[in-house]
Amino acid sequence: MDAQKIYRTFRPYVLDLAATHDVPVEQALLALARAASQCPPNLAPFQIAQYVREQVEQWIEESQQSRGELRETG
């Protein structure tokens, strides 16, 4: 599956995650684009889904941690 198809497939999922976790939509979509472009070739569909979800959720966790640090310091 090519990067564009991965992006189109998971865009609704990422938009929901962004809204749920209160992270910027633009940044969430960039994380999706990065995950889609870095997805290893020849994965089965369930492996692609797992890879993209892990990458995007990792970005969300990092984003929330950095936002939390900013709030604490100031």
PDB file of N, CA and C in Angstrom:
ATOM      1  N   MET A   1       0.862  -1.169   0.000  1.00  0.00           N
ATOM      2  CA  MET A   1       0.000   0.000   0.000  1.00  0.00           C
ATOM      3  C   MET A   1       0.908   1.231   0.000  1.00  0.00           C
ATOM      4  N   ASP A   2       0.621   2.171  -0.878  1.00  0.00           N
ATOM      5  CA  ASP A   2       1.474   3.354  -0.950  1.00  0.00           C
ATOM      6  C   ASP A   2       1.109   4.381   0.124  1.00  0.00           C
ATOM      7  N   ALA A   3       1.992   5.351   0.309  1.00  0.00           N
ATOM      8  CA  ALA A   3       1.842   6.332   1.387  1.00  0.00           C
ATOM      9  C   ALA A   3       0.554   7.147   1.252  1.00  0.00           C
ATOM     10  N   GLN A   4       0.177   7.500   0.031  1.00  0.00           N
ATOM     11  CA  GLN A   4      -1.048   8.286  -0.154  1.00  0.00           C
ATOM     12  C   GLN A   4      -2.282   7.510   0.281  1.00  0.00           C
ATOM     13  N   LYS A   5      -2.323   6.239  -0.056  1.00  0.00           N
ATOM     14  CA  LYS A   5      -3.476   5.428   0.329  1.00  0.00           C
ATOM     15  C   LYS A   5      -3.523   5.243   1.843  1.00  0.00           C
ATOM     16  N   ILE A   6      -2.362   5.046   2.459  1.00  0.00           N
ATOM     17  CA  ILE A   6      -2.301   4.938   3.922  1.00  0.00           C
ATOM     18  C   ILE A   6      -2.812   6.226   4.553  1.00  0.00           C
ATOM     19  N   TYR A   7      -2.348   7.361   4.037  1.00  0.00           N
ATOM     20  CA  TYR A   7      -2.767   8.668   4.574  1.00  0.00           C
ATOM     21  C   TYR A   7      -4.280   8.832   4.467  1.00  0.00           C
ATOM     22  N   ARG A   8      -4.830   8.564   3.294  1.00  0.00           N
ATOM     23  CA  ARG A   8      -6.283   8.716   3.094  1.00  0.00           C
ATOM     24  C   ARG A   8      -7.075   7.769   3.988  1.00  0.00           C
ATOM     25  N   THR A   9      -6.558   6.562   4.160  1.00  0.00           N
ATOM     26  CA  THR A   9      -7.266   5.568   4.962  1.00  0.00           C
ATOM     27  C   THR A   9      -7.324   5.965   6.429  1.00  0.00           C
ATOM     28  N   PHE A  10      -6.221   6.475   6.963  1.00  0.00           N
ATOM     29  CA  PHE A  10      -6.134   6.743   8.396  1.00  0.00           C
ATOM     30  C   PHE A  10      -6.420   8.186   8.789  1.00  0.00           C
ATOM     31  N   ARG A  11      -6.688   9.041   7.823  1.00  0.00           N
ATOM     32  CA  ARG A  11      -6.970  10.449   8.129  1.00  0.00           C
ATOM     33  C   ARG A  11      -8.137  10.621   9.101  1.00  0.00           C
ATOM     34  N   PRO A  12      -9.290   9.976   8.871  1.00  0.00           N
ATOM     35  CA  PRO A  12     -10.398  10.135   9.830  1.00  0.00           C
ATOM     36  C   PRO A  12     -10.021   9.688  11.246  1.00  0.00           C
ATOM     37  N   TYR A  13      -9.291   8.604  11.341  1.00  0.00           N
ATOM     38  CA  TYR A  13      -8.837   8.097  12.647  1.00  0.00           C
ATOM     39  C   TYR A  13      -7.962   9.135  13.354  1.00  0.00           C
ATOM     40  N   VAL A  14      -7.035   9.727  12.616  1.00  0.00           N
ATOM     41  CA  VAL A  14      -6.119  10.702  13.205  1.00  0.00           C
ATOM     42  C   VAL A  14      -6.858  11.983  13.585  1.00  0.00           C
ATOM     43  N   LEU A  15      -7.816  12.391  12.787  1.00  0.00           N
ATOM     44  CA  LEU A  15      -8.601  13.582  13.137  1.00  0.00           C
ATOM     45  C   LEU A  15      -9.383  13.350  14.434  1.00  0.00           C
ATOM     46  N   ASP A  16      -9.938  12.164  14.598  1.00  0.00           N
ATOM     47  CA  ASP A  16     -10.635  11.831  15.846  1.00  0.00           C
ATOM     48  C   ASP A  16      -9.674  11.827  17.026  1.00  0.00           C
ATOM     49  N   LEU A  17      -8.487  11.249  16.840  1.00  0.00           N
ATOM     50  CA  LEU A  17      -7.494  11.239  17.915  1.00  0.00           C
ATOM     51  C   LEU A  17      -7.092  12.654  18.305  1.00  0.00           C
ATOM     52  N   ALA A  18      -6.885  13.505  17.317  1.00  0.00           N
ATOM     53  CA  ALA A  18      -6.488  14.882  17.592  1.00  0.00           C
ATOM     54  C   ALA A  18      -7.554  15.593  18.417  1.00  0.00           C
ATOM     55  N   ALA A  19      -8.802  15.411  18.055  1.00  0.00           N
ATOM     56  CA  ALA A  19      -9.889  16.043  18.794  1.00  0.00           C
ATOM     57  C   ALA A  19     -10.006  15.476  20.203  1.00  0.00           C
ATOM     58  N   THR A  20      -9.884  14.167  20.325  1.00  0.00           N
ATOM     59  CA  THR A  20     -10.011  13.505  21.622  1.00  0.00           C
ATOM     60  C   THR A  20      -8.912  13.931  22.589  1.00  0.00           C
ATOM     61  N   HIS A  21      -7.702  14.076  22.062  1.00  0.00           N
ATOM     62  CA  HIS A  21      -6.548  14.374  22.919  1.00  0.00           C
ATOM     63  C   HIS A  21      -6.171  15.850  22.917  1.00  0.00           C
ATOM     64  N   ASP A  22      -6.970  16.676  22.250  1.00  0.00           N
ATOM     65  CA  ASP A  22      -6.750  18.120  22.212  1.00  0.00           C
ATOM     66  C   ASP A  22      -5.338  18.475  21.737  1.00  0.00           C
ATOM     67  N   VAL A  23      -4.959  17.911  20.599  1.00  0.00           N
ATOM     68  CA  VAL A  23      -3.685  18.255  19.970  1.00  0.00           C
ATOM     69  C   VAL A  23      -3.981  18.941  18.645  1.00  0.00           C
ATOM     70  N   PRO A  24      -3.076  19.775  18.156  1.00  0.00           N
ATOM     71  CA  PRO A  24      -3.323  20.489  16.901  1.00  0.00           C
ATOM     72  C   PRO A  24      -3.527  19.528  15.726  1.00  0.00           C
ATOM     73  N   VAL A  25      -4.577  19.763  14.972  1.00  0.00           N
ATOM     74  CA  VAL A  25      -4.918  18.907  13.840  1.00  0.00           C
ATOM     75  C   VAL A  25      -3.780  18.882  12.819  1.00  0.00           C
ATOM     76  N   GLU A  26      -3.209  20.034  12.542  1.00  0.00           N
ATOM     77  CA  GLU A  26      -2.142  20.100  11.546  1.00  0.00           C
ATOM     78  C   GLU A  26      -0.965  19.220  11.953  1.00  0.00           C
ATOM     79  N   GLN A  27      -0.615  19.253  13.214  1.00  0.00           N
ATOM     80  CA  GLN A  27       0.498  18.447  13.702  1.00  0.00           C
ATOM     81  C   GLN A  27       0.153  16.956  13.660  1.00  0.00           C
ATOM     82  N   ALA A  28      -1.073  16.619  13.973  1.00  0.00           N
ATOM     83  CA  ALA A  28      -1.492  15.226  13.919  1.00  0.00           C
ATOM     84  C   ALA A  28      -1.442  14.708  12.484  1.00  0.00           C
ATOM     85  N   LEU A  29      -1.864  15.530  11.537  1.00  0.00           N
ATOM     86  CA  LEU A  29      -1.815  15.118  10.135  1.00  0.00           C
ATOM     87  C   LEU A  29      -0.376  14.998   9.644  1.00  0.00           C
ATOM     88  N   LEU A  30       0.496  15.851  10.134  1.00  0.00           N
ATOM     89  CA  LEU A  30       1.917  15.719   9.788  1.00  0.00           C
ATOM     90  C   LEU A  30       2.491  14.422  10.347  1.00  0.00           C
ATOM     91  N   ALA A  31       2.084  14.062  11.550  1.00  0.00           N
ATOM     92  CA  ALA A  31       2.531  12.796  12.132  1.00  0.00           C
ATOM     93  C   ALA A  31       2.031  11.626  11.291  1.00  0.00           C
ATOM     94  N   LEU A  32       0.807  11.714  10.812  1.00  0.00           N
ATOM     95  CA  LEU A  32       0.270  10.675   9.946  1.00  0.00           C
ATOM     96  C   LEU A  32       1.050  10.599   8.641  1.00  0.00           C
ATOM     97  N   ALA A  33       1.330  11.748   8.043  1.00  0.00           N
ATOM     98  CA  ALA A  33       2.090  11.760   6.792  1.00  0.00           C
ATOM     99  C   ALA A  33       3.469  11.145   6.991  1.00  0.00           C
ATOM    100  N   ARG A  34       4.099  11.475   8.102  1.00  0.00           N
ATOM    101  CA  ARG A  34       5.415  10.906   8.407  1.00  0.00           C
ATOM    102  C   ARG A  34       5.309   9.389   8.573  1.00  0.00           C
ATOM    103  N   ALA A  35       4.318   8.927   9.313  1.00  0.00           N
ATOM    104  CA  ALA A  35       4.137   7.487   9.517  1.00  0.00           C
ATOM    105  C   ALA A  35       3.847   6.785   8.190  1.00  0.00           C
ATOM    106  N   ALA A  36       3.013   7.389   7.364  1.00  0.00           N
ATOM    107  CA  ALA A  36       2.666   6.782   6.077  1.00  0.00           C
ATOM    108  C   ALA A  36       3.889   6.689   5.172  1.00  0.00           C
ATOM    109  N   SER A  37       4.708   7.728   5.165  1.00  0.00           N
ATOM    110  CA  SER A  37       5.872   7.717   4.281  1.00  0.00           C
ATOM    111  C   SER A  37       6.984   6.807   4.796  1.00  0.00           C
ATOM    112  N   GLN A  38       6.998   6.536   6.093  1.00  0.00           N
ATOM    113  CA  GLN A  38       8.042   5.689   6.668  1.00  0.00           C
ATOM    114  C   GLN A  38       7.590   4.251   6.899  1.00  0.00           C
ATOM    115  N   CYS A  39       6.376   3.948   6.536  1.00  0.00           N
ATOM    116  CA  CYS A  39       5.835   2.609   6.744  1.00  0.00           C
ATOM    117  C   CYS A  39       6.640   1.608   5.903  1.00  0.00           C
ATOM    118  N   PRO A  40       7.118   0.548   6.536  1.00  0.00           N
ATOM    119  CA  PRO A  40       7.881  -0.456   5.779  1.00  0.00           C
ATOM    120  C   PRO A  40       7.040  -1.055   4.652  1.00  0.00           C
ATOM    121  N   PRO A  41       7.670  -1.324   3.510  1.00  0.00           N
ATOM    122  CA  PRO A  41       6.918  -1.873   2.376  1.00  0.00           C
ATOM    123  C   PRO A  41       6.500  -3.326   2.615  1.00  0.00           C
ATOM    124  N   ASN A  42       5.513  -3.724   1.899  1.00  0.00           N
ATOM    125  CA  ASN A  42       5.050  -5.115   1.862  1.00  0.00           C
ATOM    126  C   ASN A  42       4.500  -5.632   3.185  1.00  0.00           C
ATOM    127  N   LEU A  43       3.933  -4.762   3.991  1.00  0.00           N
ATOM    128  CA  LEU A  43       3.275  -5.215   5.211  1.00  0.00           C
ATOM    129  C   LEU A  43       1.843  -5.625   4.883  1.00  0.00           C
ATOM    130  N   ALA A  44       1.328  -6.523   5.659  1.00  0.00           N
ATOM    131  CA  ALA A  44      -0.079  -6.887   5.535  1.00  0.00           C
ATOM    132  C   ALA A  44      -0.930  -5.725   6.049  1.00  0.00           C
ATOM    133  N   PRO A  45      -2.172  -5.619   5.604  1.00  0.00           N
ATOM    134  CA  PRO A  45      -3.013  -4.500   6.044  1.00  0.00           C
ATOM    135  C   PRO A  45      -3.095  -4.338   7.564  1.00  0.00           C
ATOM    136  N   PHE A  46      -3.218  -5.430   8.306  1.00  0.00           N
ATOM    137  CA  PHE A  46      -3.297  -5.285   9.760  1.00  0.00           C
ATOM    138  C   PHE A  46      -1.975  -4.791  10.334  1.00  0.00           C
ATOM    139  N   GLN A  47      -0.854  -5.123   9.698  1.00  0.00           N
ATOM    140  CA  GLN A  47       0.444  -4.639  10.159  1.00  0.00           C
ATOM    141  C   GLN A  47       0.611  -3.151   9.860  1.00  0.00           C
ATOM    142  N   ILE A  48       0.104  -2.717   8.726  1.00  0.00           N
ATOM    143  CA  ILE A  48       0.127  -1.289   8.391  1.00  0.00           C
ATOM    144  C   ILE A  48      -0.682  -0.518   9.415  1.00  0.00           C
ATOM    145  N   ALA A  49      -1.869  -1.006   9.724  1.00  0.00           N
ATOM    146  CA  ALA A  49      -2.727  -0.341  10.708  1.00  0.00           C
ATOM    147  C   ALA A  49      -2.027  -0.248  12.056  1.00  0.00           C
ATOM    148  N   GLN A  50      -1.424  -1.332  12.469  1.00  0.00           N
ATOM    149  CA  GLN A  50      -0.718  -1.342  13.755  1.00  0.00           C
ATOM    150  C   GLN A  50       0.440  -0.350  13.741  1.00  0.00           C
ATOM    151  N   TYR A  51       1.221  -0.336  12.679  1.00  0.00           N
ATOM    152  CA  TYR A  51       2.366   0.564  12.575  1.00  0.00           C
ATOM    153  C   TYR A  51       1.926   2.030  12.641  1.00  0.00           C
ATOM    154  N   VAL A  52       0.923   2.371  11.833  1.00  0.00           N
ATOM    155  CA  VAL A  52       0.463   3.766  11.785  1.00  0.00           C
ATOM    156  C   VAL A  52      -0.098   4.186  13.142  1.00  0.00           C
ATOM    157  N   ARG A  53      -0.907   3.359  13.746  1.00  0.00           N
ATOM    158  CA  ARG A  53      -1.476   3.695  15.057  1.00  0.00           C
ATOM    159  C   ARG A  53      -0.386   3.902  16.095  1.00  0.00           C
ATOM    160  N   GLU A  54       0.586   3.005  16.125  1.00  0.00           N
ATOM    161  CA  GLU A  54       1.673   3.139  17.101  1.00  0.00           C
ATOM    162  C   GLU A  54       2.448   4.432  16.897  1.00  0.00           C
ATOM    163  N   GLN A  55       2.758   4.754  15.644  1.00  0.00           N
ATOM    164  CA  GLN A  55       3.530   5.956  15.366  1.00  0.00           C
ATOM    165  C   GLN A  55       2.759   7.226  15.740  1.00  0.00           C
ATOM    166  N   VAL A  56       1.496   7.291  15.381  1.00  0.00           N
ATOM    167  CA  VAL A  56       0.690   8.481  15.658  1.00  0.00           C
ATOM    168  C   VAL A  56       0.439   8.609  17.159  1.00  0.00           C
ATOM    169  N   GLU A  57       0.121   7.513  17.812  1.00  0.00           N
ATOM    170  CA  GLU A  57      -0.118   7.568  19.261  1.00  0.00           C
ATOM    171  C   GLU A  57       1.153   7.947  20.019  1.00  0.00           C
ATOM    172  N   GLN A  58       2.298   7.486  19.537  1.00  0.00           N
ATOM    173  CA  GLN A  58       3.569   7.886  20.157  1.00  0.00           C
ATOM    174  C   GLN A  58       3.764   9.394  20.017  1.00  0.00           C
ATOM    175  N   TRP A  59       3.453   9.932  18.831  1.00  0.00           N
ATOM    176  CA  TRP A  59       3.583  11.374  18.641  1.00  0.00           C
ATOM    177  C   TRP A  59       2.641  12.127  19.580  1.00  0.00           C
ATOM    178  N   ILE A  60       1.416  11.638  19.743  1.00  0.00           N
ATOM    179  CA  ILE A  60       0.455  12.301  20.624  1.00  0.00           C
ATOM    180  C   ILE A  60       0.965  12.299  22.057  1.00  0.00           C
ATOM    181  N   GLU A  61       1.496  11.178  22.520  1.00  0.00           N
ATOM    182  CA  GLU A  61       2.049  11.111  23.874  1.00  0.00           C
ATOM    183  C   GLU A  61       3.185  12.109  24.051  1.00  0.00           C
ATOM    184  N   GLU A  62       4.079  12.162  23.078  1.00  0.00           N
ATOM    185  CA  GLU A  62       5.196  13.107  23.142  1.00  0.00           C
ATOM    186  C   GLU A  62       4.688  14.545  23.131  1.00  0.00           C
ATOM    187  N   SER A  63       3.686  14.806  22.325  1.00  0.00           N
ATOM    188  CA  SER A  63       3.120  16.146  22.234  1.00  0.00           C
ATOM    189  C   SER A  63       2.488  16.564  23.555  1.00  0.00           C
ATOM    190  N   GLN A  64       1.745  15.649  24.163  1.00  0.00           N
ATOM    191  CA  GLN A  64       1.105  15.962  25.440  1.00  0.00           C
ATOM    192  C   GLN A  64       2.141  16.147  26.542  1.00  0.00           C
ATOM    193  N   GLN A  65       3.200  15.369  26.531  1.00  0.00           N
ATOM    194  CA  GLN A  65       4.250  15.523  27.538  1.00  0.00           C
ATOM    195  C   GLN A  65       4.939  16.866  27.393  1.00  0.00           C
ATOM    196  N   SER A  66       5.229  17.261  26.162  1.00  0.00           N
ATOM    197  CA  SER A  66       5.905  18.544  25.967  1.00  0.00           C
ATOM    198  C   SER A  66       4.982  19.702  26.327  1.00  0.00           C
ATOM    199  N   ARG A  67       3.685  19.570  26.053  1.00  0.00           N
ATOM    200  CA  ARG A  67       2.733  20.619  26.434  1.00  0.00           C
ATOM    201  C   ARG A  67       2.616  20.686  27.950  1.00  0.00           C
ATOM    202  N   GLY A  68       2.637  19.531  28.615  1.00  0.00           N
ATOM    203  CA  GLY A  68       2.580  19.491  30.077  1.00  0.00           C
ATOM    204  C   GLY A  68       3.802  20.139  30.687  1.00  0.00           C
ATOM    205  N   GLU A  69       4.968  19.903  30.094  1.00  0.00           N
ATOM    206  CA  GLU A  69       6.188  20.522  30.588  1.00  0.00           C
ATOM    207  C   GLU A  69       6.125  22.025  30.437  1.00  0.00           C
ATOM    208  N   LEU A  70       5.581  22.491  29.324  1.00  0.00           N
ATOM    209  CA  LEU A  70       5.467  23.925  29.118  1.00  0.00           C
ATOM    210  C   LEU A  70       4.535  24.559  30.142  1.00  0.00           C
ATOM    211  N   ARG A  71       3.458  23.882  30.457  1.00  0.00           N
ATOM    212  CA  ARG A  71       2.524  24.424  31.443  1.00  0.00           C
ATOM    213  C   ARG A  71       3.160  24.488  32.831  1.00  0.00           C
ATOM    214  N   GLU A  72       3.908  23.457  33.193  1.00  0.00           N
ATOM    215  CA  GLU A  72       4.506  23.415  34.513  1.00  0.00           C
ATOM    216  C   GLU A  72       5.549  24.504  34.709  1.00  0.00           C
ATOM    217  N   THR A  73       6.341  24.775  33.666  1.00  0.00           N
ATOM    218  CA  THR A  73       7.417  25.748  33.795  1.00  0.00           C
ATOM    219  C   THR A  73       6.965  27.153  33.486  1.00  0.00           C
ATOM    220  N   GLY A  74       5.838  27.256  32.854  1.00  0.00           N
ATOM    221  CA  GLY A  74       5.445  28.502  32.652  1.00  0.00           C
ATOM    222  C   GLY A  74       4.762  29.446  31.994  1.00  0.00           C
TER     223      GLY A  74
END
